[in-house]
């Protein structure tokens, strides 16, 4: 059964929060880089403030240190990339035939992903509904259930637009949206490839991927 998260951003955040609380999320081990957090918050407030609303809903349930929560979800991926850059590879392909267009993808950077990845729906009023696929933020062989979180590695929305990401071989980074939040932004707001490209032109990305 595919999980469905439905409601405004605050309500969806609470739904995620209940799952994270059940999994034991407390983020006590998170070390906050205040300068990095402040810069990331500024980017999100300008380009994707709805994520902050979702995080507020999440913490309504979790009730943990706000800076740790914000750092983990707004700057955690970037902080990890800056400190532990490693080469990973995965692939996405499309096949079109008389029955339609089919997308195939694999996560070949960690076999552990097989134990955690999920497929789910997100339905927010006045936004495109989409189905997301997540590796749950698995980043190492010692990943703990309490640190796993929903992040869109792939999404297809109700307009038929698909977007997913693959590894890109570069060390460059910037202050900006995480690649998975970029996918969420595009899935919720775009109906075509052309509209998605306009998002990429104006919204900064924290570190590169092939989309």
Protein backbone atom coordinates (compact mmCIF):
# COMPACT_ATOMS: atom_id res chain seq x y z
CA UNK A 1 0.00 0.00 0.00
CA UNK A 2 1.34 3.43 -0.99
CA UNK A 3 1.41 5.96 1.84
CA UNK A 4 -0.41 9.23 1.14
CA UNK A 5 0.46 12.54 2.79
CA UNK A 6 -2.42 14.97 2.31
CA UNK A 7 -3.26 18.50 3.46
CA UNK A 8 -1.46 21.84 3.64
CA UNK A 9 2.28 21.92 4.24
CA UNK A 10 1.92 22.18 8.01
CA UNK A 11 -0.44 19.19 8.08
CA UNK A 12 1.81 17.14 5.79
CA UNK A 13 4.73 17.99 8.07
CA UNK A 14 2.81 16.65 11.06
CA UNK A 15 2.17 13.40 9.18
CA UNK A 16 5.89 13.01 8.46
CA UNK A 17 6.61 13.94 12.08
CA UNK A 18 4.46 11.12 13.43
CA UNK A 19 6.44 8.59 11.38
CA UNK A 20 9.77 10.08 12.44
CA UNK A 21 8.70 10.07 16.09
CA UNK A 22 7.73 6.40 15.82
CA UNK A 23 11.16 5.72 14.30
CA UNK A 24 12.86 7.45 17.25
CA UNK A 25 14.14 10.58 15.51
CA UNK A 26 15.72 13.01 17.98
CA UNK A 27 18.73 14.41 16.04
CA UNK A 28 20.79 14.69 19.23
CA UNK A 29 23.96 13.84 17.30
CA UNK A 30 23.48 16.68 14.78
CA UNK A 31 26.13 19.41 15.02
CA UNK A 32 24.80 22.74 13.78
CA UNK A 33 26.95 25.01 11.60
CA UNK A 34 25.12 28.28 12.34
CA UNK A 35 26.61 30.19 9.40
CA UNK A 36 25.62 27.45 6.96
CA UNK A 37 22.14 27.20 8.50
CA UNK A 38 21.54 30.96 8.30
CA UNK A 39 22.52 31.08 4.63
CA UNK A 40 20.36 28.07 3.80
CA UNK A 41 17.36 29.49 5.68
CA UNK A 42 17.67 32.69 3.66
CA UNK A 43 17.59 30.71 0.40
CA UNK A 44 14.57 28.65 1.44
CA UNK A 45 12.66 31.68 2.71
CA UNK A 46 13.09 33.27 -0.72
CA UNK A 47 12.55 30.31 -3.04
CA UNK A 48 10.67 27.57 -1.17
CA UNK A 49 9.17 28.93 2.10
CA UNK A 50 6.61 26.12 2.12
CA UNK A 51 9.35 23.76 3.29
CA UNK A 52 9.73 25.88 6.44
CA UNK A 53 5.99 25.55 7.04
CA UNK A 54 6.27 21.79 6.60
CA UNK A 55 9.15 21.65 9.08
CA UNK A 56 7.10 23.64 11.59
CA UNK A 57 4.38 21.03 11.33
CA UNK A 58 6.94 18.27 11.73
CA UNK A 59 8.34 19.79 14.89
CA UNK A 60 4.84 20.24 16.29
CA UNK A 61 5.06 16.45 16.73
CA UNK A 62 8.79 15.89 17.33
CA UNK A 63 9.38 18.83 19.70
CA UNK A 64 13.16 18.76 19.30
CA UNK A 65 15.77 21.52 19.11
CA UNK A 66 14.65 23.83 16.29
CA UNK A 67 18.16 24.62 15.00
CA UNK A 68 19.03 20.92 14.81
CA UNK A 69 15.81 20.17 12.91
CA UNK A 70 16.30 23.05 10.48
CA UNK A 71 19.96 22.26 9.95
CA UNK A 72 19.27 18.59 9.30
CA UNK A 73 16.56 19.24 6.72
CA UNK A 74 17.78 22.48 5.11
CA UNK A 75 21.55 22.08 5.24
CA UNK A 76 22.23 18.44 6.09
CA UNK A 77 22.63 17.19 2.53
CA UNK A 78 24.92 20.10 1.65
CA UNK A 79 26.98 19.68 4.81
CA UNK A 80 27.38 15.97 4.06
CA UNK A 81 28.40 16.71 0.45
CA UNK A 82 31.03 19.27 1.50
CA UNK A 83 32.63 16.90 4.03
CA UNK A 84 32.27 13.42 2.53
CA UNK A 85 32.18 13.75 -1.23
CA UNK A 86 32.23 10.28 -2.75
CA UNK A 87 31.57 9.00 -6.26
CA UNK A 88 28.22 7.25 -6.59
CA UNK A 89 26.44 6.18 -9.71
CA UNK A 90 22.88 5.27 -10.55
CA UNK A 91 20.85 5.34 -13.74
CA UNK A 92 17.47 6.29 -15.17
CA UNK A 93 16.09 5.32 -18.56
CA UNK A 94 12.86 5.65 -20.48
CA UNK A 95 11.14 3.26 -22.90
CA UNK A 96 8.21 4.25 -25.10
CA UNK A 97 5.95 1.74 -26.82
CA UNK A 98 2.31 1.39 -27.82
CA UNK A 99 1.30 0.97 -24.19
CA UNK A 100 2.85 4.24 -23.05
CA UNK A 101 6.09 5.62 -21.69
CA UNK A 102 7.88 3.67 -18.96
CA UNK A 103 10.59 4.91 -16.60
CA UNK A 104 13.22 2.60 -15.14
CA UNK A 105 15.75 3.51 -12.44
CA UNK A 106 18.15 1.87 -10.03
CA UNK A 107 20.02 2.90 -6.91
CA UNK A 108 23.39 1.19 -7.21
CA UNK A 109 25.41 3.25 -4.73
CA UNK A 110 24.36 1.27 -1.64
CA UNK A 111 22.66 -2.09 -1.55
CA UNK A 112 21.30 -1.08 1.85
CA UNK A 113 18.87 1.21 0.03
CA UNK A 114 16.77 -1.84 -0.88
CA UNK A 115 15.78 -2.20 2.76
CA UNK A 116 14.50 1.35 3.17
CA UNK A 117 13.30 2.96 -0.08
CA UNK A 118 9.63 3.90 -0.25
CA UNK A 119 7.00 4.99 -2.75
CA UNK A 120 4.45 7.53 -1.54
CA UNK A 121 1.93 10.20 -2.61
CA UNK A 122 1.82 13.87 -1.65
CA UNK A 123 -1.35 15.91 -2.16
CA UNK A 124 -1.19 19.60 -1.19
CA UNK A 125 -4.09 21.95 -2.11
CA UNK A 126 -3.49 24.14 -5.18
CA UNK A 127 -0.31 22.20 -6.05
CA UNK A 128 0.32 19.33 -8.44
CA UNK A 129 -0.19 15.99 -6.75
CA UNK A 130 2.74 13.64 -7.19
CA UNK A 131 4.10 10.20 -6.46
CA UNK A 132 7.56 10.32 -4.90
CA UNK A 133 10.25 7.69 -4.64
CA UNK A 134 12.82 8.04 -1.87
CA UNK A 135 15.93 6.23 -0.68
CA UNK A 136 15.06 7.70 2.76
CA UNK A 137 18.36 9.58 2.91
CA UNK A 138 20.47 6.43 3.30
CA UNK A 139 24.03 7.70 3.38
CA UNK A 140 26.11 4.88 4.82
CA UNK A 141 26.11 1.31 5.94
CA UNK A 142 25.46 2.38 9.52
CA UNK A 143 22.32 4.36 8.71
CA UNK A 144 19.94 4.41 11.65
CA UNK A 145 16.17 4.18 11.32
CA UNK A 146 15.90 7.28 13.52
CA UNK A 147 17.78 9.36 10.93
CA UNK A 148 15.93 8.25 7.81
CA UNK A 149 13.67 10.79 6.13
CA UNK A 150 11.45 11.16 3.07
CA UNK A 151 13.23 12.97 0.24
CA UNK A 152 12.20 12.97 -3.40
CA UNK A 153 14.87 11.23 -5.47
CA UNK A 154 12.25 10.79 -8.20
CA UNK A 155 8.74 12.13 -8.70
CA UNK A 156 5.96 11.98 -11.28
CA UNK A 157 3.06 14.38 -10.95
CA UNK A 158 -0.56 14.38 -12.06
CA UNK A 159 0.39 16.37 -15.17
CA UNK A 160 2.56 13.46 -16.34
CA UNK A 161 5.87 15.21 -15.67
CA UNK A 162 8.64 12.95 -14.34
CA UNK A 163 11.89 14.14 -12.79
CA UNK A 164 14.65 12.12 -11.15
CA UNK A 165 18.32 12.55 -10.35
CA UNK A 166 21.64 10.81 -10.91
CA UNK A 167 25.13 11.41 -9.60
CA UNK A 168 27.22 14.19 -11.18
CA UNK A 169 31.02 14.05 -11.03
CA UNK A 170 31.97 17.47 -9.66
CA UNK A 171 33.10 18.96 -6.37
CA UNK A 172 31.31 22.28 -6.80
CA UNK A 173 28.75 23.40 -4.25
CA UNK A 174 26.67 26.46 -3.50
CA UNK A 175 24.09 27.72 -1.01
CA UNK A 176 20.73 26.60 -2.34
CA UNK A 177 17.97 24.03 -2.33
CA UNK A 178 18.96 20.42 -1.87
CA UNK A 179 18.61 18.35 -5.07
CA UNK A 180 15.70 16.42 -3.54
CA UNK A 181 13.87 19.61 -2.55
CA UNK A 182 14.42 20.86 -6.11
CA UNK A 183 12.59 17.78 -7.35
CA UNK A 184 9.73 18.47 -4.92
CA UNK A 185 9.53 22.11 -6.03
CA UNK A 186 9.34 21.13 -9.69
CA UNK A 187 6.90 18.24 -9.18
CA UNK A 188 4.50 20.50 -7.28
CA UNK A 189 4.69 23.51 -9.58
CA UNK A 190 5.53 22.43 -13.14
CA UNK A 191 3.51 20.81 -15.90
CA UNK A 192 6.20 20.58 -18.58
CA UNK A 193 9.94 20.25 -19.13
CA UNK A 194 10.02 23.89 -20.26
CA UNK A 195 8.53 25.05 -16.95
CA UNK A 196 11.00 22.90 -15.03
CA UNK A 197 13.93 24.46 -16.91
CA UNK A 198 12.72 27.91 -15.88
CA UNK A 199 12.87 26.81 -12.24
CA UNK A 200 16.46 25.64 -12.70
CA UNK A 201 17.37 29.03 -14.19
CA UNK A 202 16.19 31.07 -11.21
CA UNK A 203 16.46 28.83 -8.13
CA UNK A 204 19.95 28.07 -6.74
CA UNK A 205 20.94 24.43 -6.22
CA UNK A 206 23.21 23.44 -3.34
CA UNK A 207 25.24 20.83 -5.22
CA UNK A 208 24.98 19.37 -8.71
CA UNK A 209 23.19 16.32 -9.95
CA UNK A 210 22.07 15.13 -13.34
CA UNK A 211 18.28 15.69 -13.47
